[in-house]
N, C-alpha and C. Protein backbone atom coordinates (compact mmCIF):
# COMPACT_ATOMS: atom_id res chain seq x y z
N MET A 1 44.78 -42.04 71.36
CA MET A 1 44.26 -42.82 70.63
C MET A 1 42.82 -42.30 70.32
N GLN A 2 42.11 -41.72 71.41
CA GLN A 2 40.88 -41.12 71.16
C GLN A 2 40.88 -39.89 70.22
N THR A 3 41.86 -39.28 70.21
CA THR A 3 41.96 -38.06 69.47
C THR A 3 42.17 -38.43 67.94
N VAL A 4 42.96 -39.59 67.64
CA VAL A 4 42.99 -40.26 66.20
C VAL A 4 41.59 -40.51 65.92
N ILE A 5 40.75 -41.32 66.87
CA ILE A 5 39.54 -41.74 66.46
C ILE A 5 38.52 -40.68 66.20
N LEU A 6 38.48 -39.68 66.88
CA LEU A 6 37.74 -38.42 66.91
C LEU A 6 38.06 -37.67 65.52
N ALA A 7 39.39 -37.66 65.13
CA ALA A 7 39.73 -36.90 63.82
C ALA A 7 39.20 -37.78 62.80
N ALA A 8 39.37 -39.04 62.76
CA ALA A 8 38.84 -39.99 61.51
C ALA A 8 37.36 -39.75 61.38
N MET A 9 36.68 -39.89 62.60
CA MET A 9 35.15 -39.71 62.51
C MET A 9 34.80 -38.30 62.04
N LEU A 10 35.52 -37.13 62.32
CA LEU A 10 35.30 -35.81 61.96
C LEU A 10 35.47 -35.85 60.32
N THR A 11 36.66 -36.49 60.01
CA THR A 11 36.85 -36.36 58.52
C THR A 11 35.74 -37.09 57.71
N LEU A 12 35.27 -38.40 58.22
CA LEU A 12 34.27 -39.08 57.43
C LEU A 12 33.16 -38.30 57.41
N ALA A 13 32.62 -37.70 58.47
CA ALA A 13 31.47 -36.77 58.62
C ALA A 13 31.53 -35.60 57.50
N LEU A 14 32.54 -35.07 57.50
CA LEU A 14 32.74 -33.83 56.62
C LEU A 14 32.73 -34.51 55.18
N ALA A 15 33.49 -35.61 54.91
CA ALA A 15 33.23 -35.88 53.48
C ALA A 15 31.95 -36.60 53.17
N THR A 16 31.19 -37.04 54.06
CA THR A 16 29.90 -37.42 53.77
C THR A 16 29.08 -36.22 53.60
N ALA A 17 29.17 -35.26 54.40
CA ALA A 17 28.49 -33.82 54.11
C ALA A 17 28.73 -33.25 52.82
N VAL A 18 30.06 -33.38 52.52
CA VAL A 18 30.28 -32.56 51.18
C VAL A 18 29.54 -33.40 50.01
N THR A 19 29.87 -34.68 49.98
CA THR A 19 29.34 -35.56 48.86
C THR A 19 27.87 -35.56 48.89
N ALA A 20 27.20 -35.33 49.88
CA ALA A 20 25.66 -35.35 49.96
C ALA A 20 25.15 -33.85 49.71
N THR A 21 25.86 -33.05 49.75
CA THR A 21 25.10 -31.55 49.42
C THR A 21 24.89 -31.60 47.87
N PRO A 22 23.47 -31.26 47.67
CA PRO A 22 23.17 -31.11 46.26
C PRO A 22 23.66 -30.11 45.50
N ARG A 23 24.11 -30.44 44.20
CA ARG A 23 24.73 -29.48 43.39
C ARG A 23 23.66 -28.69 42.37
N PRO A 24 24.00 -27.53 42.18
CA PRO A 24 23.10 -26.92 41.39
C PRO A 24 22.81 -27.50 39.92
N VAL A 25 21.68 -27.54 39.41
CA VAL A 25 21.50 -27.99 38.04
C VAL A 25 21.79 -26.96 37.00
N LEU A 26 22.56 -26.93 36.16
CA LEU A 26 22.89 -25.88 35.07
C LEU A 26 21.89 -26.15 34.02
N ASN A 27 21.32 -24.86 33.59
CA ASN A 27 20.36 -24.90 32.59
C ASN A 27 21.41 -24.73 31.06
N VAL A 28 21.58 -25.69 30.41
CA VAL A 28 22.44 -25.89 29.39
C VAL A 28 21.55 -25.25 28.16
N GLN A 29 21.85 -24.32 27.57
CA GLN A 29 21.16 -23.85 26.26
C GLN A 29 21.77 -24.44 25.03
N PRO A 30 21.02 -25.03 24.05
CA PRO A 30 21.50 -25.65 22.82
C PRO A 30 22.25 -24.54 22.23
N ALA A 31 23.38 -24.93 21.37
CA ALA A 31 24.00 -24.06 20.66
C ALA A 31 23.20 -23.58 19.55
N ILE A 32 23.16 -22.13 19.28
CA ILE A 32 22.25 -21.58 18.31
C ILE A 32 22.59 -21.95 16.85
N ASN A 33 23.63 -22.38 16.60
CA ASN A 33 24.01 -22.73 15.29
C ASN A 33 24.23 -24.37 15.29
N MET A 34 23.61 -25.03 16.12
CA MET A 34 23.81 -26.48 15.97
C MET A 34 22.45 -27.27 16.18
N LEU A 35 22.10 -28.11 15.47
CA LEU A 35 21.03 -28.95 15.57
C LEU A 35 21.24 -30.01 16.75
N SER A 36 20.27 -30.48 17.51
CA SER A 36 20.49 -31.45 18.57
C SER A 36 20.71 -32.71 17.73
N ALA A 37 20.11 -32.92 16.71
CA ALA A 37 20.38 -34.16 15.49
C ALA A 37 19.87 -33.79 14.37
N PRO A 38 20.29 -34.23 13.25
CA PRO A 38 19.81 -33.94 11.78
C PRO A 38 18.23 -34.43 11.75
N ILE A 39 17.67 -33.77 10.92
CA ILE A 39 16.22 -33.73 10.72
C ILE A 39 15.86 -33.73 9.33
N ARG A 40 14.98 -34.51 8.82
CA ARG A 40 14.70 -34.51 7.48
C ARG A 40 13.10 -34.03 7.36
N LEU A 41 12.92 -33.34 6.35
CA LEU A 41 11.59 -32.69 6.04
C LEU A 41 11.16 -33.42 4.64
N ILE A 42 10.14 -33.95 4.48
CA ILE A 42 9.65 -34.45 3.13
C ILE A 42 8.42 -33.57 3.02
N ALA A 43 8.54 -33.02 1.83
CA ALA A 43 7.31 -32.00 1.34
C ALA A 43 6.64 -32.52 0.03
N TRP A 44 5.44 -32.65 0.10
CA TRP A 44 4.64 -33.24 -0.97
C TRP A 44 3.71 -32.02 -1.76
N GLU A 45 3.50 -32.55 -2.91
CA GLU A 45 2.70 -31.54 -3.88
C GLU A 45 1.22 -31.55 -3.38
N LYS A 46 0.66 -32.61 -2.87
CA LYS A 46 -0.57 -32.68 -2.49
C LYS A 46 -0.93 -32.70 -1.03
N LEU A 47 -2.12 -32.64 -0.61
CA LEU A 47 -2.49 -32.63 0.55
C LEU A 47 -2.46 -34.20 1.17
N ASN A 48 -2.34 -34.54 2.37
CA ASN A 48 -2.36 -35.55 2.99
C ASN A 48 -1.06 -36.56 2.84
N CYS A 49 0.09 -35.80 2.25
CA CYS A 49 1.53 -36.27 2.03
C CYS A 49 1.33 -37.28 1.15
N ILE A 50 0.88 -36.96 -0.08
CA ILE A 50 0.69 -37.85 -1.17
C ILE A 50 1.24 -37.15 -2.61
N GLY A 51 1.70 -37.73 -3.51
CA GLY A 51 1.94 -37.19 -4.92
C GLY A 51 3.32 -36.99 -4.71
N ASP A 52 3.92 -36.27 -6.00
CA ASP A 52 5.43 -36.00 -5.90
C ASP A 52 5.89 -35.33 -4.77
N PHE A 53 7.26 -35.53 -4.38
CA PHE A 53 7.58 -34.97 -3.17
C PHE A 53 9.12 -34.44 -3.18
N GLY A 54 9.58 -33.86 -2.28
CA GLY A 54 11.10 -33.57 -2.29
C GLY A 54 11.46 -33.35 -0.81
N VAL A 55 12.71 -33.80 -0.57
CA VAL A 55 13.30 -34.15 0.74
C VAL A 55 14.18 -33.13 0.92
N THR A 56 14.28 -32.75 2.11
CA THR A 56 15.39 -31.70 2.68
C THR A 56 15.94 -32.54 3.83
N GLU A 57 17.29 -32.60 4.05
CA GLU A 57 18.06 -33.14 5.10
C GLU A 57 18.46 -31.83 5.83
N PHE A 58 18.04 -31.53 6.93
CA PHE A 58 18.61 -30.43 7.77
C PHE A 58 19.71 -30.83 8.61
N THR A 59 21.05 -30.06 8.44
CA THR A 59 22.24 -30.48 9.20
C THR A 59 22.60 -29.13 9.55
N ASP A 60 23.57 -29.02 10.40
CA ASP A 60 24.12 -27.78 10.93
C ASP A 60 24.69 -26.95 9.88
N SER A 61 25.04 -27.41 8.68
CA SER A 61 25.53 -26.55 7.62
C SER A 61 24.17 -25.68 6.82
N VAL A 62 23.08 -26.23 6.90
CA VAL A 62 21.93 -25.50 6.22
C VAL A 62 21.04 -24.88 7.42
N LEU A 63 21.42 -24.88 8.82
CA LEU A 63 20.60 -24.44 9.64
C LEU A 63 20.42 -22.88 9.46
N ALA A 64 19.13 -22.56 9.61
CA ALA A 64 18.89 -20.96 9.51
C ALA A 64 18.86 -20.57 8.17
N ARG A 65 18.95 -21.38 7.11
CA ARG A 65 19.06 -20.97 5.74
C ARG A 65 17.53 -21.30 5.08
N ASN A 66 17.11 -20.30 4.09
CA ASN A 66 15.98 -20.36 3.36
C ASN A 66 16.28 -21.38 2.36
N ILE A 67 15.33 -22.43 2.38
CA ILE A 67 15.61 -23.61 1.46
C ILE A 67 14.27 -23.76 0.51
N SER A 68 14.71 -23.62 -0.89
CA SER A 68 13.46 -23.77 -1.74
C SER A 68 13.06 -25.25 -1.78
N ASN A 69 11.78 -25.33 -1.95
CA ASN A 69 11.19 -26.65 -2.37
C ASN A 69 11.53 -26.85 -3.79
N ALA A 70 11.57 -28.21 -3.95
CA ALA A 70 11.67 -28.68 -5.67
C ALA A 70 10.22 -28.19 -6.39
N ILE A 71 9.23 -28.21 -5.55
CA ILE A 71 7.82 -28.09 -6.02
C ILE A 71 7.02 -27.31 -5.03
N VAL A 72 5.98 -26.69 -5.51
CA VAL A 72 5.19 -26.00 -4.82
C VAL A 72 4.51 -27.17 -3.72
N SER A 73 4.59 -27.05 -2.46
CA SER A 73 4.13 -28.05 -1.65
C SER A 73 2.95 -27.77 -0.77
N ARG A 74 1.98 -28.81 -0.33
CA ARG A 74 0.85 -28.54 0.21
C ARG A 74 0.69 -29.52 1.51
N SER A 75 1.75 -30.08 1.87
CA SER A 75 1.81 -30.95 3.08
C SER A 75 3.39 -31.44 3.26
N PHE A 76 3.61 -31.65 4.63
CA PHE A 76 5.03 -32.09 4.73
C PHE A 76 4.92 -33.02 6.08
N ARG A 77 5.88 -33.92 6.32
CA ARG A 77 6.21 -34.62 7.39
C ARG A 77 7.73 -34.57 7.87
N LEU A 78 8.00 -34.68 9.07
CA LEU A 78 9.45 -34.66 9.56
C LEU A 78 9.53 -36.08 10.33
N ASN A 79 11.12 -36.38 9.99
CA ASN A 79 11.42 -37.78 10.42
C ASN A 79 11.52 -37.81 11.97
N ARG A 80 11.37 -36.90 12.80
CA ARG A 80 11.51 -36.58 14.06
C ARG A 80 10.90 -35.32 14.59
N THR A 81 10.46 -35.54 15.83
CA THR A 81 9.76 -34.14 16.42
C THR A 81 10.82 -33.12 16.58
N LEU A 82 10.55 -31.85 16.67
CA LEU A 82 11.12 -30.75 16.92
C LEU A 82 11.33 -30.74 18.33
N ILE A 83 12.44 -30.30 18.80
CA ILE A 83 13.01 -30.16 20.23
C ILE A 83 13.51 -28.88 20.67
N GLN A 84 13.50 -28.74 21.97
CA GLN A 84 13.84 -27.62 22.54
C GLN A 84 13.56 -26.37 21.87
N GLN A 85 14.58 -25.59 21.20
CA GLN A 85 14.38 -24.15 20.52
C GLN A 85 14.31 -24.38 19.36
N GLU A 86 13.94 -25.57 18.55
CA GLU A 86 13.96 -25.77 16.97
C GLU A 86 12.69 -25.04 16.69
N GLN A 87 12.92 -24.47 15.43
CA GLN A 87 11.67 -23.63 15.09
C GLN A 87 11.60 -24.04 13.46
N LEU A 88 10.44 -24.36 12.88
CA LEU A 88 10.41 -24.80 11.47
C LEU A 88 9.40 -23.52 10.84
N ASP A 89 9.87 -22.88 9.97
CA ASP A 89 8.90 -21.76 9.33
C ASP A 89 8.86 -22.24 7.77
N ILE A 90 7.61 -22.10 7.50
CA ILE A 90 7.26 -22.13 5.95
C ILE A 90 6.77 -20.96 5.29
N SER A 91 7.12 -20.94 4.05
CA SER A 91 6.88 -19.50 3.33
C SER A 91 6.52 -19.88 1.83
N ILE A 92 5.84 -18.84 1.32
CA ILE A 92 5.72 -18.84 -0.20
C ILE A 92 5.99 -17.69 -0.85
N THR A 93 6.37 -17.92 -2.11
CA THR A 93 7.19 -16.73 -2.79
C THR A 93 5.99 -15.53 -3.23
N ASP A 94 6.51 -14.51 -3.52
CA ASP A 94 5.66 -13.51 -4.04
C ASP A 94 4.93 -13.90 -5.61
N ASN A 95 5.52 -14.48 -6.21
CA ASN A 95 4.89 -14.76 -7.63
C ASN A 95 5.23 -16.34 -8.05
N VAL A 96 4.37 -17.02 -7.83
CA VAL A 96 4.51 -18.64 -7.94
C VAL A 96 4.79 -18.67 -9.39
N THR A 97 4.30 -17.95 -10.29
CA THR A 97 4.27 -18.36 -11.74
C THR A 97 5.75 -18.14 -12.33
N SER A 98 6.57 -17.01 -11.85
CA SER A 98 7.74 -16.77 -12.26
C SER A 98 8.89 -17.49 -11.26
N TRP A 99 8.58 -18.21 -10.28
CA TRP A 99 9.43 -18.90 -9.29
C TRP A 99 10.12 -20.04 -9.92
N PHE A 100 11.44 -19.99 -9.55
CA PHE A 100 12.18 -21.29 -10.01
C PHE A 100 12.97 -21.72 -8.73
N SER A 101 12.79 -23.00 -8.45
CA SER A 101 13.32 -23.57 -7.12
C SER A 101 14.72 -23.72 -7.10
N ASN A 102 15.37 -23.53 -7.95
CA ASN A 102 16.90 -23.51 -7.86
C ASN A 102 17.50 -22.38 -8.04
N LYS A 103 16.65 -21.27 -8.27
CA LYS A 103 17.35 -19.95 -8.52
C LYS A 103 18.19 -19.31 -7.53
N ASP A 104 17.69 -19.61 -6.32
CA ASP A 104 18.71 -18.81 -5.20
C ASP A 104 18.63 -19.88 -3.99
N GLN A 105 18.55 -21.12 -4.33
CA GLN A 105 18.70 -22.25 -3.09
C GLN A 105 19.74 -21.99 -2.06
N LEU A 106 19.33 -22.00 -1.05
CA LEU A 106 20.33 -21.80 0.22
C LEU A 106 20.75 -20.37 0.47
N SER A 107 19.87 -19.40 -0.06
CA SER A 107 20.25 -18.05 -0.08
C SER A 107 19.68 -17.54 1.30
N TYR A 108 20.31 -16.69 1.89
CA TYR A 108 19.49 -15.96 3.08
C TYR A 108 18.49 -15.11 2.62
N GLU A 109 18.57 -14.50 1.56
CA GLU A 109 17.53 -13.81 1.01
C GLU A 109 16.76 -14.42 -0.06
N SER A 110 16.49 -15.55 0.00
CA SER A 110 15.81 -16.42 -1.16
C SER A 110 14.51 -15.82 -1.47
N SER A 111 14.47 -15.63 -2.86
CA SER A 111 12.85 -15.22 -3.33
C SER A 111 11.83 -16.09 -3.08
N SER A 112 12.28 -17.29 -2.87
CA SER A 112 11.19 -18.47 -2.48
C SER A 112 10.45 -18.22 -1.15
N CYS A 113 11.31 -17.52 -0.52
CA CYS A 113 10.77 -17.20 0.99
C CYS A 113 10.24 -15.67 1.32
N SER A 114 9.40 -15.40 0.34
CA SER A 114 8.78 -13.79 0.62
C SER A 114 8.07 -13.80 1.77
N ASN A 115 6.90 -14.62 2.04
CA ASN A 115 6.05 -14.51 3.06
C ASN A 115 5.87 -15.58 3.99
N PHE A 116 6.63 -15.58 5.12
CA PHE A 116 6.40 -16.46 6.04
C PHE A 116 5.21 -16.55 6.64
N TRP A 117 4.45 -17.74 6.66
CA TRP A 117 3.01 -17.89 7.31
C TRP A 117 2.63 -18.89 8.07
N GLN A 118 3.53 -19.61 8.45
CA GLN A 118 3.21 -20.89 9.32
C GLN A 118 4.67 -21.25 10.06
N THR A 119 4.33 -21.46 11.39
CA THR A 119 5.63 -21.85 12.19
C THR A 119 5.13 -23.12 12.99
N TYR A 120 6.26 -23.95 13.20
CA TYR A 120 6.03 -25.25 14.17
C TYR A 120 7.06 -25.14 14.94
N TYR A 121 6.86 -25.69 16.29
CA TYR A 121 7.87 -25.57 17.44
C TYR A 121 7.75 -27.01 17.90
N ALA A 122 8.55 -27.16 19.17
CA ALA A 122 8.47 -28.56 19.81
C ALA A 122 7.04 -28.72 20.28
N VAL A 123 6.21 -27.92 20.45
CA VAL A 123 4.96 -28.32 21.11
C VAL A 123 3.93 -28.78 19.85
N ASN A 124 4.22 -28.38 18.50
CA ASN A 124 3.39 -28.76 17.56
C ASN A 124 4.10 -29.39 16.38
N GLY A 125 5.43 -29.50 16.56
CA GLY A 125 6.21 -29.93 15.34
C GLY A 125 6.53 -31.60 15.74
N THR A 126 5.49 -32.38 15.33
CA THR A 126 5.67 -33.93 15.41
C THR A 126 6.00 -34.49 14.29
N THR A 127 5.94 -35.86 14.10
CA THR A 127 6.13 -36.54 12.91
C THR A 127 4.65 -36.93 12.14
N SER A 128 3.69 -36.26 12.51
CA SER A 128 2.45 -36.06 11.67
C SER A 128 2.50 -35.59 10.41
N CYS A 129 1.74 -36.00 9.56
CA CYS A 129 1.50 -35.21 8.18
C CYS A 129 0.78 -34.05 8.51
N TYR A 130 1.49 -32.86 8.10
CA TYR A 130 0.83 -31.52 8.11
C TYR A 130 0.26 -31.09 6.80
N ASN A 131 -1.06 -30.86 6.65
CA ASN A 131 -1.50 -30.20 5.53
C ASN A 131 -1.36 -28.71 5.82
N THR A 132 -0.87 -27.99 4.61
CA THR A 132 -0.44 -26.72 4.78
C THR A 132 -1.04 -25.74 3.55
N PRO A 133 -1.09 -24.45 3.74
CA PRO A 133 -1.18 -23.73 2.66
C PRO A 133 0.02 -24.06 1.73
N PRO A 134 -0.19 -23.57 0.43
CA PRO A 134 0.96 -23.89 -0.72
C PRO A 134 2.28 -23.11 -0.10
N PHE A 135 3.24 -23.78 -0.38
CA PHE A 135 4.66 -23.41 0.48
C PHE A 135 5.71 -23.73 -0.49
N THR A 136 6.67 -22.71 -0.83
CA THR A 136 7.91 -22.91 -1.47
C THR A 136 9.28 -22.81 -0.90
N CYS A 137 9.18 -22.65 0.40
CA CYS A 137 10.25 -22.46 1.18
C CYS A 137 9.88 -22.98 2.53
N HIS A 138 11.25 -23.33 3.20
CA HIS A 138 11.27 -23.63 4.54
C HIS A 138 12.54 -23.34 5.22
N ARG A 139 12.55 -23.15 6.39
CA ARG A 139 13.71 -22.76 7.30
C ARG A 139 13.70 -23.31 8.68
N LEU A 140 14.55 -24.05 8.97
CA LEU A 140 14.63 -24.73 10.50
C LEU A 140 15.84 -23.83 11.20
N TRP A 141 15.59 -23.27 12.26
CA TRP A 141 16.55 -22.65 12.98
C TRP A 141 16.18 -22.74 14.56
N ASN A 142 17.10 -22.40 15.25
CA ASN A 142 17.16 -22.28 16.79
C ASN A 142 16.69 -21.11 17.11
N ASN A 143 15.39 -20.94 17.77
CA ASN A 143 15.01 -19.40 18.15
C ASN A 143 15.12 -19.36 19.60
N PRO A 144 16.35 -18.52 19.96
CA PRO A 144 16.78 -18.39 21.48
C PRO A 144 15.55 -17.78 22.32
N GLY A 145 14.61 -17.19 21.81
CA GLY A 145 13.22 -16.83 22.39
C GLY A 145 12.30 -17.76 23.03
N LEU A 146 12.47 -19.12 22.36
CA LEU A 146 11.78 -20.11 22.87
C LEU A 146 12.13 -20.75 24.15
N PRO A 147 11.22 -21.29 25.06
CA PRO A 147 11.78 -21.96 26.08
C PRO A 147 12.51 -23.27 25.68
N THR A 148 13.40 -23.77 26.68
CA THR A 148 14.04 -25.06 26.16
C THR A 148 13.62 -26.17 26.51
N LYS A 149 12.42 -26.16 27.49
CA LYS A 149 11.71 -27.19 27.83
C LYS A 149 10.07 -27.10 27.12
């Protein structure tokens, strides 16, 4: 009888020790070709997010593509903050006078995206209105070189 009791106590002690052992936390990287959630960018033709505007809805299907603005924009706002390794780049075309917004929309080599000059990350990509130099293109992508937190 004592042997049975000792065996039961040992089994209970082992089970408690196993369940109480801390498990390692895995650092799960976001998929490079997927957004954590859709994000909307509204780009205005004037500073302070006023005037005519265009809207881009970023989904997985347009992630990492250069997207032409409908107008030369000077400010923008996001509907949610950038998170983890999301990076938003804005760019200007080489020649604004001959630029057509729909000429090469969604092209990886879009002429609207000749000179990238401003970048936003999780640390500075909030839902505020951002005044920017004139831009004709934007690109949202997951940068694997950025920290995940």
